[in-house]
Amino acid sequence: MPGSPASIRHRPSLRVAYLIVGVLITITSGLANALVSANLPQIQGALGLTPVQGAWLPAAYVMVNLSANLILFKARQQFGIRRFAEVALAAYLAITALHLFVDDYPTAVLVRAASGFVGAPLSSLGFYYVMQGFPKHLMGKAIVVGFGLTQLALPLAWLLSPALLDLGDWHTLYTFEFALALCTLAAVISLKLPPGIRIRVFEKTDFVTFLLLAPAFALIAGVLAQGQLQWWSEQPWMAWALLVSLALLLLAFFVEHHRANPLIQTRWIGTGEVIRFVVAALAFRLILSEQSYAAAGLLRTLGMGPDQFRLFYLVVIAGVLSGIAIGAATFGPKTMMPMAIAAVVLVLIASLLDSDATSETRPNNMMASQAMIAMAGALVMAPLILHGVMGALKRGADHIVTFVVLFTMTQSAGALLGPAIYGTFQQYRQHEYSGQITSHVDPTNPVVAQRLGIQRSIYAARVSDPVLGQAGGMALLQQAATREASIRAYNDVFRLNAVIAFAFLLWCLWRVTVQLRAARQAPSPPSAA
């Protein structure tokens, strides 16, 4: 395809080199946003930000990353994969270097947004390098490995962050990211991809569509990022943002629908095939949020810090690698749907295992379940993407841009949609449980009185006033009640994720039944005379 490197034979040592560089690029592309997400409290503290302000940092990355592939895919086709790779990495290196000198909030948001744009091409670039590391007859396994490696960024960020922060403040994180980007640029220049086909594809109307869709996607991402924190019904700007984004989307749809060579294939988007793909991609991204939001949030509520997460995320990384290995070994046209169903079953089981957490739960209690979810994430990516690509190529190569936009939208927006939905549900259930628990805290109850006495004794050595001691003991008891309410709410989130996974599993099984029935009813090809 234009915009992709040629598929040629390489000697074994060169294939290994391509594979190593592909792993390096893939990790570099995802680590930037992962480091910010994993260390957001420290960055907020260093810059003196509120939680609302801090949430704009990862949101700015997603807001721009959502629409970046609209232009970058065609840029790869017109200017060539080699030039595209070197320019993209040089721009990424420059943006990463700016992080080292950023000490104010507006510049930090601007740098995160620019990082979202220049980081978009790196994921596909890493995939192309991984593909060069496999012979042609193993392309299916290369797809599994290439997309499975993208799941390593977040656990690696959690694993590396404590050691990096011990060396200095949050600037050390960006120093490491800059060094990694510099090594990646050197590797890409030293080991170039084979040249591919170049064609002239840009039209002036492409930029009109981009200028309409980019702010629309950004507004939707902003609402998803801030809805839980500022609360959905309390901020009028969210309603206006959604209305403006809807108007921009409709206008872009109108422009594309009447173009001779559209950037977005509007007639294909409305087909059942595309709708099913979008539903599946969003559903997978949503249920996988159990790991990034619910499990991590529960453990942080219980007081777990980065140091306690080291072994936990080592197990998660092992789960990702196991999923890649199993997926690569079993991948084929007939195993695509079984792999997807197996991934849903793994998430369903993991959610049920996590749904009985208590105040005594620790990372080691959740390692098995989170390894299962990590394995599911690595298993499902390749079948999902390959199914979408095959559907697009049946319609023509010009449908690939539409597929890339849809897939990027479901994954990037899904990364915000999961925390938005589960965070809202968790807060609602926490308030319900908190009210129930507090209503039973009666100081005249002997058990409550005994607990208050224990809490007061904590202040006895420092506070001589009995009234202040009583107030301090009551405050500690309220904190314990809030923590218990939060734990129960997270258990409800796990159960909700299990319900969604079960419903999605039933939908997958129904689709398999429909496909098998259609295959039986299809007329058999005529036999040769």
Protein backbone atom coordinates (compact mmCIF):
# COMPACT_ATOMS: atom_id res chain seq x y z
CA MET A 1 0.00 0.00 0.00
CA PRO A 2 1.18 3.60 -0.56
CA GLY A 3 2.56 4.98 2.65
CA SER A 4 3.81 1.61 3.86
CA PRO A 5 7.36 0.24 3.51
CA ALA A 6 8.08 -2.47 0.98
CA SER A 7 7.98 -6.06 2.22
CA ILE A 8 11.33 -7.54 1.22
CA ARG A 9 13.54 -10.38 2.37
CA HIS A 10 16.11 -9.64 5.07
CA ARG A 11 18.86 -11.76 6.53
CA PRO A 12 18.08 -13.07 10.06
CA SER A 13 20.40 -10.63 11.86
CA LEU A 14 18.76 -7.68 10.11
CA ARG A 15 15.31 -8.95 11.03
CA VAL A 16 16.35 -9.04 14.68
CA ALA A 17 17.62 -5.47 14.40
CA TYR A 18 14.32 -4.32 12.88
CA LEU A 19 12.41 -6.06 15.66
CA ILE A 20 14.51 -4.43 18.39
CA VAL A 21 14.06 -0.97 16.87
CA GLY A 22 10.32 -1.64 16.52
CA VAL A 23 10.05 -2.47 20.23
CA LEU A 24 12.01 0.68 21.09
CA ILE A 25 9.78 2.92 18.95
CA THR A 26 6.56 1.36 20.26
CA ILE A 27 7.58 1.86 23.88
CA THR A 28 8.75 5.42 23.18
CA SER A 29 5.46 6.31 21.48
CA GLY A 30 3.31 5.27 24.42
CA LEU A 31 5.55 6.16 27.33
CA ALA A 32 5.10 9.94 27.12
CA ASN A 33 1.41 9.97 27.99
CA ALA A 34 1.79 7.01 30.33
CA LEU A 35 4.42 8.80 32.45
CA VAL A 36 2.11 11.80 32.84
CA SER A 37 -0.89 9.62 33.76
CA ALA A 38 1.08 7.54 36.27
CA ASN A 39 2.68 10.56 37.97
CA LEU A 40 -0.08 13.15 37.66
CA PRO A 41 -0.28 13.84 41.46
CA GLN A 42 3.45 14.63 41.61
CA ILE A 43 3.25 16.88 38.54
CA GLN A 44 0.18 18.65 39.97
CA GLY A 45 2.04 19.28 43.21
CA ALA A 46 5.17 20.59 41.48
CA LEU A 47 3.17 23.02 39.32
CA GLY A 48 0.69 23.92 42.07
CA LEU A 49 -2.35 22.67 40.16
CA THR A 50 -5.82 21.66 41.24
CA PRO A 51 -7.18 18.24 40.16
CA VAL A 52 -9.29 19.98 37.51
CA GLN A 53 -6.24 21.75 36.08
CA GLY A 54 -4.14 18.60 36.27
CA ALA A 55 -6.71 16.60 34.31
CA TRP A 56 -6.17 18.88 31.31
CA LEU A 57 -2.59 17.59 30.91
CA PRO A 58 -3.40 14.02 29.76
CA ALA A 59 -6.61 15.30 28.15
CA ALA A 60 -4.66 17.74 25.95
CA TYR A 61 -2.64 14.82 24.58
CA VAL A 62 -5.77 12.84 23.69
CA MET A 63 -7.61 15.90 22.30
CA VAL A 64 -4.97 16.38 19.61
CA ASN A 65 -4.03 12.73 19.14
CA LEU A 66 -7.62 11.90 18.18
CA SER A 67 -7.49 13.87 14.93
CA ALA A 68 -3.78 13.66 14.11
CA ASN A 69 -4.11 10.58 11.89
CA LEU A 70 -6.47 12.45 9.55
CA ILE A 71 -3.48 14.28 8.08
CA LEU A 72 -0.58 12.04 9.06
CA PHE A 73 -1.79 9.00 7.11
CA LYS A 74 -1.84 10.95 3.85
CA ALA A 75 1.46 12.64 4.71
CA ARG A 76 3.02 9.19 4.87
CA GLN A 77 1.60 8.34 1.46
CA GLN A 78 2.73 11.53 -0.27
CA PHE A 79 6.16 12.16 1.24
CA GLY A 80 7.36 8.60 1.80
CA ILE A 81 7.80 6.45 4.86
CA ARG A 82 11.51 7.26 5.39
CA ARG A 83 11.15 11.02 5.38
CA PHE A 84 7.97 10.72 7.38
CA ALA A 85 9.73 8.64 10.05
CA GLU A 86 12.69 10.96 10.47
CA VAL A 87 10.64 14.17 10.49
CA ALA A 88 8.13 12.71 12.93
CA LEU A 89 10.84 11.57 15.33
CA ALA A 90 12.73 14.86 15.09
CA ALA A 91 9.53 16.74 15.92
CA TYR A 92 8.82 14.35 18.77
CA LEU A 93 12.34 14.88 20.13
CA ALA A 94 11.94 18.66 19.97
CA ILE A 95 8.61 18.54 21.81
CA THR A 96 10.06 16.19 24.44
CA ALA A 97 12.98 18.58 24.96
CA LEU A 98 10.50 21.36 25.74
CA HIS A 99 9.30 19.35 28.73
CA LEU A 100 12.69 19.88 30.36
CA PHE A 101 12.18 23.65 30.45
CA VAL A 102 8.48 23.80 31.26
CA ASP A 103 7.67 25.18 34.71
CA ASP A 104 4.34 26.90 34.13
CA TYR A 105 0.90 25.46 33.54
CA PRO A 106 -0.13 26.97 30.15
CA THR A 107 3.12 25.87 28.52
CA ALA A 108 2.76 22.39 30.02
CA VAL A 109 -0.70 22.00 28.45
CA LEU A 110 0.60 23.29 25.10
CA VAL A 111 3.50 20.85 25.15
CA ARG A 112 1.17 17.95 25.98
CA ALA A 113 -1.06 18.87 23.02
CA ALA A 114 1.91 19.08 20.64
CA SER A 115 3.16 15.78 22.01
CA GLY A 116 -0.19 14.21 21.13
CA PHE A 117 0.20 15.29 17.50
CA VAL A 118 3.79 14.20 16.95
CA GLY A 119 3.30 11.04 19.01
CA ALA A 120 0.55 9.78 16.68
CA PRO A 121 2.86 8.61 13.86
CA LEU A 122 5.21 6.74 16.19
CA SER A 123 2.75 3.93 16.93
CA SER A 124 2.38 3.06 13.24
CA LEU A 125 6.12 3.53 12.71
CA GLY A 126 6.90 1.01 15.44
CA PHE A 127 4.43 -1.41 13.89
CA TYR A 128 6.16 -1.15 10.49
CA TYR A 129 9.54 -1.92 12.05
CA VAL A 130 8.13 -4.95 13.86
CA MET A 131 6.61 -6.18 10.58
CA GLN A 132 10.06 -6.05 8.95
CA GLY A 133 11.32 -8.37 11.70
CA PHE A 134 9.16 -11.26 10.47
CA PRO A 135 9.21 -13.20 7.18
CA LYS A 136 6.23 -12.76 4.92
CA HIS A 137 4.57 -16.06 5.84
CA LEU A 138 4.48 -14.96 9.50
CA MET A 139 2.79 -11.62 8.91
CA GLY A 140 -0.19 -12.65 11.05
CA LYS A 141 2.07 -13.27 14.03
CA ALA A 142 3.84 -9.96 13.37
CA ILE A 143 0.49 -8.15 13.61
CA VAL A 144 -0.16 -9.72 17.03
CA VAL A 145 3.30 -8.75 18.29
CA GLY A 146 3.20 -5.25 16.82
CA PHE A 147 -0.12 -4.28 18.35
CA GLY A 148 0.38 -6.27 21.55
CA LEU A 149 3.53 -4.28 22.38
CA THR A 150 1.44 -1.10 22.61
CA GLN A 151 -0.04 -2.48 25.85
CA LEU A 152 3.34 -2.26 27.63
CA ALA A 153 3.57 1.53 27.97
CA LEU A 154 1.41 2.09 31.06
CA PRO A 155 2.77 -0.77 33.22
CA LEU A 156 6.33 0.23 32.25
CA ALA A 157 5.61 3.81 33.29
CA TRP A 158 4.39 2.66 36.70
CA LEU A 159 7.36 0.34 37.04
CA LEU A 160 10.02 2.90 36.11
CA SER A 161 8.55 5.99 37.79
CA PRO A 162 9.63 5.31 41.43
CA ALA A 163 13.28 4.83 40.45
CA LEU A 164 13.23 7.90 38.20
CA LEU A 165 11.60 10.09 40.85
CA ASP A 166 14.18 8.95 43.40
CA LEU A 167 16.84 10.52 41.16
CA GLY A 168 15.15 13.94 41.22
CA ASP A 169 11.84 15.71 40.74
CA TRP A 170 9.33 15.19 37.92
CA HIS A 171 11.79 16.70 35.40
CA THR A 172 13.73 13.42 35.67
CA LEU A 173 10.81 11.66 33.99
CA TYR A 174 11.07 13.95 30.98
CA THR A 175 14.87 13.65 30.92
CA PHE A 176 14.43 9.90 30.61
CA GLU A 177 11.79 10.35 27.91
CA PHE A 178 14.08 12.73 26.00
CA ALA A 179 16.97 10.26 26.16
CA LEU A 180 14.69 7.46 24.95
CA ALA A 181 13.46 9.60 22.05
CA LEU A 182 17.06 10.48 21.15
CA CYS A 183 18.03 6.79 21.07
CA THR A 184 14.96 6.06 18.93
CA LEU A 185 15.88 8.77 16.41
CA ALA A 186 19.42 7.43 16.20
CA ALA A 187 18.11 3.89 15.65
CA VAL A 188 15.70 4.97 12.89
CA ILE A 189 18.41 6.95 11.06
CA SER A 190 20.87 4.04 11.38
CA LEU A 191 18.37 1.38 10.28
CA LYS A 192 16.01 2.79 7.67
CA LEU A 193 12.80 1.19 6.52
CA PRO A 194 12.67 -0.09 2.93
CA PRO A 195 11.25 2.57 0.59
CA GLY A 196 7.57 2.36 -0.30
CA ILE A 197 5.24 3.73 -2.94
CA ARG A 198 4.66 7.50 -2.98
CA ILE A 199 1.56 9.05 -4.51
CA ARG A 200 0.03 12.52 -4.51
CA VAL A 201 -3.03 12.33 -2.30
CA PHE A 202 -3.50 15.71 -0.59
CA GLU A 203 -6.38 17.91 -1.68
CA LYS A 204 -7.29 21.35 -0.36
CA THR A 205 -10.59 20.08 0.99
CA ASP A 206 -8.70 17.61 3.21
CA PHE A 207 -7.57 20.52 5.36
CA VAL A 208 -11.12 21.88 5.53
CA THR A 209 -12.28 18.54 6.91
CA PHE A 210 -9.38 18.47 9.35
CA LEU A 211 -10.16 21.99 10.61
CA LEU A 212 -13.75 20.89 11.24
CA LEU A 213 -13.09 17.49 12.83
CA ALA A 214 -10.07 18.41 14.98
CA PRO A 215 -11.91 20.89 17.24
CA ALA A 216 -14.97 18.60 17.32
CA PHE A 217 -12.91 15.68 18.61
CA ALA A 218 -11.06 17.98 21.03
CA LEU A 219 -14.30 19.31 22.55
CA ILE A 220 -15.67 15.79 23.06
CA ALA A 221 -12.40 14.68 24.69
CA GLY A 222 -12.42 17.73 26.96
CA VAL A 223 -15.93 16.99 28.19
CA LEU A 224 -15.06 13.33 28.86
CA ALA A 225 -11.93 14.33 30.77
CA GLN A 226 -13.62 16.96 32.95
CA GLY A 227 -17.15 15.57 33.32
CA GLN A 228 -16.44 13.51 36.41
CA LEU A 229 -14.37 16.22 38.14
CA GLN A 230 -16.52 19.28 37.41
CA TRP A 231 -19.69 17.13 37.28
CA TRP A 232 -21.76 16.80 34.17
CA SER A 233 -24.81 18.85 35.08
CA GLU A 234 -23.00 21.63 36.96
CA GLN A 235 -21.01 23.21 34.12
CA PRO A 236 -22.90 24.85 31.22
CA TRP A 237 -19.75 24.91 29.09
CA MET A 238 -19.95 21.12 28.70
CA ALA A 239 -23.37 21.33 27.06
CA TRP A 240 -22.18 24.10 24.74
CA ALA A 241 -19.04 22.10 23.90
CA LEU A 242 -21.09 19.06 22.92
CA LEU A 243 -23.47 21.18 20.84
CA VAL A 244 -20.60 22.85 18.97
CA SER A 245 -18.87 19.50 18.40
CA LEU A 246 -22.10 18.03 17.00
CA ALA A 247 -22.47 20.98 14.61
CA LEU A 248 -18.86 20.63 13.45
CA LEU A 249 -19.25 16.88 12.93
CA LEU A 250 -22.40 17.37 10.87
CA LEU A 251 -20.73 20.06 8.78
CA ALA A 252 -17.67 17.85 8.18
CA PHE A 253 -19.99 14.96 7.26
CA PHE A 254 -21.79 17.17 4.74
CA VAL A 255 -18.49 18.31 3.16
CA GLU A 256 -17.13 14.76 2.90
CA HIS A 257 -20.40 13.29 1.65
CA HIS A 258 -20.35 15.51 -1.45
CA ARG A 259 -16.66 15.18 -2.34
CA ALA A 260 -15.42 13.23 -5.35
CA ASN A 261 -12.44 11.86 -3.37
CA PRO A 262 -13.49 12.07 0.27
CA LEU A 263 -11.09 11.79 3.18
CA ILE A 264 -13.81 10.08 5.25
CA GLN A 265 -16.01 7.52 3.50
CA THR A 266 -19.36 8.66 4.87
CA ARG A 267 -21.40 6.06 2.98
CA TRP A 268 -19.32 3.25 4.49
CA ILE A 269 -19.59 4.61 8.05
CA GLY A 270 -23.34 4.00 8.14
CA THR A 271 -23.09 0.30 7.20
CA GLY A 272 -23.74 -2.46 9.72
CA GLU A 273 -20.18 -3.69 9.29
CA VAL A 274 -18.68 -0.42 10.52
CA ILE A 275 -21.22 0.04 13.31
CA ARG A 276 -20.42 -3.45 14.62
CA PHE A 277 -16.69 -2.69 14.50
CA VAL A 278 -17.13 0.58 16.41
CA VAL A 279 -19.31 -1.11 19.04
CA ALA A 280 -16.77 -3.92 19.48
CA ALA A 281 -13.77 -1.57 19.66
CA LEU A 282 -15.46 0.72 22.20
CA ALA A 283 -16.71 -2.21 24.27
CA PHE A 284 -13.25 -3.76 24.44
CA ARG A 285 -11.68 -0.43 25.41
CA LEU A 286 -14.34 0.10 28.06
CA ILE A 287 -14.01 -3.26 29.81
CA LEU A 288 -10.21 -3.05 29.72
CA SER A 289 -10.52 0.18 31.75
CA GLU A 290 -11.05 -2.09 34.75
CA GLN A 291 -7.27 -2.25 35.05
CA SER A 292 -6.27 1.36 34.43
CA TYR A 293 -9.08 2.97 36.43
CA ALA A 294 -10.80 0.60 38.86
CA ALA A 295 -7.94 -1.62 40.05
CA ALA A 296 -5.39 1.19 40.25
CA GLY A 297 -7.94 3.53 41.86
CA LEU A 298 -8.91 1.00 44.51
CA LEU A 299 -5.30 0.34 45.48
CA ARG A 300 -4.52 4.07 45.66
CA THR A 301 -7.59 4.51 47.90
CA LEU A 302 -6.12 1.87 50.20
CA GLY A 303 -2.91 3.90 50.46
CA MET A 304 -0.76 2.00 48.00
CA GLY A 305 2.02 4.08 46.46
CA PRO A 306 4.31 3.55 43.46
CA ASP A 307 6.76 1.46 45.50
CA GLN A 308 4.01 -1.06 46.34
CA PHE A 309 3.09 -1.35 42.66
CA ARG A 310 6.44 -2.64 41.38
CA LEU A 311 5.77 -6.37 41.64
CA PHE A 312 2.15 -5.76 40.67
CA TYR A 313 3.09 -4.20 37.34
CA LEU A 314 5.81 -6.76 36.72
CA VAL A 315 3.02 -9.33 36.80
CA VAL A 316 0.94 -7.13 34.46
CA ILE A 317 3.87 -6.96 32.01
CA ALA A 318 4.20 -10.74 32.22
CA GLY A 319 0.49 -10.98 31.40
CA VAL A 320 0.93 -8.77 28.33
CA LEU A 321 3.90 -10.81 27.10
CA SER A 322 1.98 -14.05 27.69
CA GLY A 323 -0.95 -12.69 25.70
CA ILE A 324 1.37 -11.73 22.84
CA ALA A 325 2.99 -15.17 22.84
CA ILE A 326 -0.33 -17.05 22.94
CA GLY A 327 -1.87 -14.77 20.31
CA ALA A 328 1.11 -15.11 17.97
CA ALA A 329 1.15 -18.89 18.33
CA THR A 330 -2.57 -19.34 17.64
CA PHE A 331 -3.36 -16.46 15.29
CA GLY A 332 -5.09 -17.28 12.02
CA PRO A 333 -8.29 -16.55 10.08
CA LYS A 334 -10.20 -19.23 11.97
CA THR A 335 -8.97 -18.19 15.42
CA MET A 336 -9.73 -14.46 15.25
CA MET A 337 -13.19 -14.72 16.81
CA PRO A 338 -12.16 -17.36 19.41
CA MET A 339 -9.31 -15.07 20.50
CA ALA A 340 -11.73 -12.17 20.93
CA ILE A 341 -14.18 -14.33 22.90
CA ALA A 342 -11.35 -15.65 25.08
CA ALA A 343 -10.32 -12.06 25.85
CA VAL A 344 -13.86 -11.15 26.95
CA VAL A 345 -14.05 -14.26 29.14
CA LEU A 346 -10.74 -13.36 30.81
CA VAL A 347 -11.99 -9.86 31.62
CA LEU A 348 -15.28 -11.27 32.94
CA ILE A 349 -13.51 -13.70 35.27
CA ALA A 350 -11.04 -11.04 36.44
CA SER A 351 -13.82 -8.56 37.25
CA LEU A 352 -15.66 -11.16 39.32
CA LEU A 353 -12.45 -12.03 41.19
CA ASP A 354 -11.86 -8.37 42.06
CA SER A 355 -15.43 -7.63 43.15
CA ASP A 356 -14.99 -8.76 46.77
CA ALA A 357 -12.21 -6.34 47.78
CA THR A 358 -11.92 -5.22 51.41
CA SER A 359 -9.76 -2.79 53.37
CA GLU A 360 -7.25 -5.66 53.70
CA THR A 361 -6.83 -6.03 49.92
CA ARG A 362 -3.28 -5.49 48.70
CA PRO A 363 -1.64 -5.59 45.24
CA ASN A 364 -0.70 -9.25 45.63
CA ASN A 365 -4.40 -10.11 46.01
CA MET A 366 -5.14 -8.69 42.55
CA MET A 367 -2.12 -9.89 40.60
CA ALA A 368 -3.80 -12.93 39.06
CA SER A 369 -6.86 -10.99 37.91
CA GLN A 370 -4.86 -8.09 36.50
CA ALA A 371 -2.53 -10.46 34.66
CA MET A 372 -5.63 -11.95 33.03
CA ILE A 373 -6.83 -8.51 31.91
CA ALA A 374 -3.36 -7.66 30.57
CA MET A 375 -3.37 -10.92 28.63
CA ALA A 376 -6.83 -10.11 27.27
CA GLY A 377 -5.68 -6.69 26.05
CA ALA A 378 -2.76 -8.24 24.16
CA LEU A 379 -4.94 -11.00 22.69
CA VAL A 380 -7.71 -8.83 21.34
CA MET A 381 -5.89 -6.02 19.54
CA ALA A 382 -4.69 -7.94 16.48
CA PRO A 383 -8.02 -9.69 15.64
CA LEU A 384 -9.91 -6.43 16.11
CA ILE A 385 -7.61 -4.36 13.90
CA LEU A 386 -7.15 -7.01 11.23
CA HIS A 387 -10.91 -7.47 10.95
CA GLY A 388 -11.33 -3.73 10.45
CA VAL A 389 -8.49 -3.48 7.92
CA MET A 390 -9.82 -6.40 5.90
CA GLY A 391 -13.26 -4.80 5.79
CA ALA A 392 -11.75 -1.50 4.63
CA LEU A 393 -9.57 -3.10 1.93
CA LYS A 394 -12.57 -4.92 0.48
CA ARG A 395 -14.00 -1.48 -0.29
CA GLY A 396 -10.71 -0.05 -1.59
CA ALA A 397 -7.47 1.44 -0.27
CA ASP A 398 -9.11 4.86 0.04
CA HIS A 399 -11.20 3.47 2.93
CA ILE A 400 -8.12 2.91 5.11
CA VAL A 401 -8.07 6.53 6.31
CA THR A 402 -11.65 6.12 7.53
CA PHE A 403 -10.73 2.94 9.38
CA VAL A 404 -7.68 4.58 10.98
CA VAL A 405 -9.80 7.51 12.16
CA LEU A 406 -12.51 5.22 13.55
CA PHE A 407 -10.03 2.98 15.36
CA THR A 408 -8.06 5.90 16.79
CA MET A 409 -11.29 7.54 17.91
CA THR A 410 -12.56 4.41 19.68
CA GLN A 411 -9.25 3.80 21.46
CA SER A 412 -8.31 7.38 22.38
CA ALA A 413 -11.85 8.44 23.27
CA GLY A 414 -12.39 5.07 24.96
CA ALA A 415 -9.40 5.79 27.20
CA LEU A 416 -11.38 8.79 28.51
CA LEU A 417 -14.82 7.19 28.26
CA GLY A 418 -14.00 4.34 30.65
CA PRO A 419 -12.85 6.55 33.56
CA ALA A 420 -15.70 8.98 32.84
CA ILE A 421 -18.40 6.29 33.08
CA TYR A 422 -16.86 4.26 35.88
CA GLY A 423 -15.75 7.35 37.80
CA THR A 424 -19.25 8.81 37.72
CA PHE A 425 -20.75 5.49 38.80
CA GLN A 426 -18.15 5.09 41.56
CA GLN A 427 -18.80 8.55 42.98
CA TYR A 428 -22.55 8.00 42.97
CA ARG A 429 -22.28 4.65 44.74
CA GLN A 430 -19.73 6.03 47.22
CA HIS A 431 -22.15 8.77 48.30
CA GLU A 432 -24.88 6.16 48.72
CA TYR A 433 -22.70 3.88 50.84
CA SER A 434 -21.27 6.78 52.82
CA GLY A 435 -24.79 7.87 53.81
CA GLN A 436 -25.69 4.33 54.84
CA ILE A 437 -22.55 3.86 56.94
CA THR A 438 -22.72 7.30 58.59
CA SER A 439 -26.36 6.80 59.55
CA HIS A 440 -25.29 3.85 61.71
CA VAL A 441 -22.47 5.72 63.49
CA ASP A 442 -24.22 6.29 66.82
CA PRO A 443 -21.87 7.38 69.67
CA THR A 444 -24.18 5.69 72.18
CA ASN A 445 -23.63 2.33 70.54
CA PRO A 446 -21.07 0.38 72.63
CA VAL A 447 -19.12 -0.77 69.56
CA VAL A 448 -18.98 2.76 68.11
CA ALA A 449 -18.06 4.19 71.53
CA GLN A 450 -15.21 1.69 71.82
CA ARG A 451 -13.95 2.61 68.35
CA LEU A 452 -14.13 6.32 69.23
CA GLY A 453 -12.14 5.65 72.36
CA ILE A 454 -9.42 3.99 70.30
CA GLN A 455 -9.40 6.92 67.89
CA ARG A 456 -9.24 9.47 70.75
CA SER A 457 -6.24 7.68 72.24
CA ILE A 458 -4.26 8.57 69.12
CA TYR A 459 -4.59 12.27 70.02
CA ALA A 460 -4.30 11.81 73.80
CA ALA A 461 -0.53 12.34 73.92
CA ARG A 462 -0.72 15.60 71.93
CA VAL A 463 -4.15 17.08 72.68
CA SER A 464 -5.10 17.77 76.29
CA ASP A 465 -8.52 19.24 75.52
CA PRO A 466 -11.07 16.36 75.65
CA VAL A 467 -13.41 18.17 73.25
CA LEU A 468 -10.69 18.46 70.60
CA GLY A 469 -9.72 14.85 71.21
CA GLN A 470 -13.34 13.79 70.72
CA ALA A 471 -13.53 15.79 67.48
CA GLY A 472 -10.27 14.29 66.23
CA GLY A 473 -11.46 10.77 67.01
CA MET A 474 -14.74 11.42 65.20
CA ALA A 475 -12.84 12.77 62.18
CA LEU A 476 -10.71 9.61 62.00
CA LEU A 477 -13.81 7.48 62.24
CA GLN A 478 -15.38 9.47 59.41
CA GLN A 479 -12.27 8.91 57.29
CA ALA A 480 -12.52 5.16 57.91
CA ALA A 481 -16.21 5.24 56.95
CA THR A 482 -15.41 7.14 53.74
CA ARG A 483 -12.70 4.63 52.86
CA GLU A 484 -15.09 1.70 53.40
CA ALA A 485 -17.74 3.41 51.27
CA SER A 486 -15.17 3.94 48.51
CA ILE A 487 -14.12 0.27 48.62
CA ARG A 488 -17.73 -0.87 48.31
CA ALA A 489 -18.23 1.52 45.40
CA TYR A 490 -15.19 0.12 43.60
CA ASN A 491 -16.60 -3.37 44.12
CA ASP A 492 -19.74 -2.19 42.36
CA VAL A 493 -17.57 -0.88 39.50
CA PHE A 494 -15.99 -4.33 39.15
CA ARG A 495 -19.47 -5.90 39.09
CA LEU A 496 -20.66 -3.37 36.50
CA ASN A 497 -17.63 -4.22 34.35
CA ALA A 498 -18.48 -7.91 34.69
CA VAL A 499 -22.07 -7.23 33.58
CA ILE A 500 -20.87 -5.27 30.53
CA ALA A 501 -18.34 -8.00 29.70
CA PHE A 502 -21.05 -10.67 30.00
CA ALA A 503 -23.42 -8.73 27.74
CA PHE A 504 -20.60 -8.25 25.24
CA LEU A 505 -19.81 -11.97 25.41
CA LEU A 506 -23.43 -12.83 24.57
CA TRP A 507 -23.28 -10.41 21.63
CA CYS A 508 -20.07 -12.05 20.35
CA LEU A 509 -21.60 -15.52 20.63
CA TRP A 510 -24.69 -14.31 18.79
CA ARG A 511 -22.50 -12.91 15.98
CA VAL A 512 -20.68 -16.25 15.72
CA THR A 513 -24.04 -18.04 15.46
CA VAL A 514 -25.19 -15.67 12.70
CA GLN A 515 -21.95 -16.17 10.76
CA LEU A 516 -22.11 -19.97 11.05
CA ARG A 517 -25.72 -19.98 9.91
CA ALA A 518 -24.86 -17.78 6.93
CA ALA A 519 -21.96 -20.06 6.02
CA ARG A 520 -24.24 -23.13 6.03
CA GLN A 521 -26.86 -21.44 3.87
CA ALA A 522 -24.34 -20.11 1.34
CA PRO A 523 -24.45 -22.06 -1.95
CA SER A 524 -21.50 -24.36 -2.45
CA PRO A 525 -19.22 -23.59 -5.41
CA PRO A 526 -19.82 -25.70 -8.53
CA SER A 527 -17.55 -28.69 -8.84
CA ALA A 528 -15.13 -28.93 -11.74
CA ALA A 529 -16.20 -31.20 -14.57
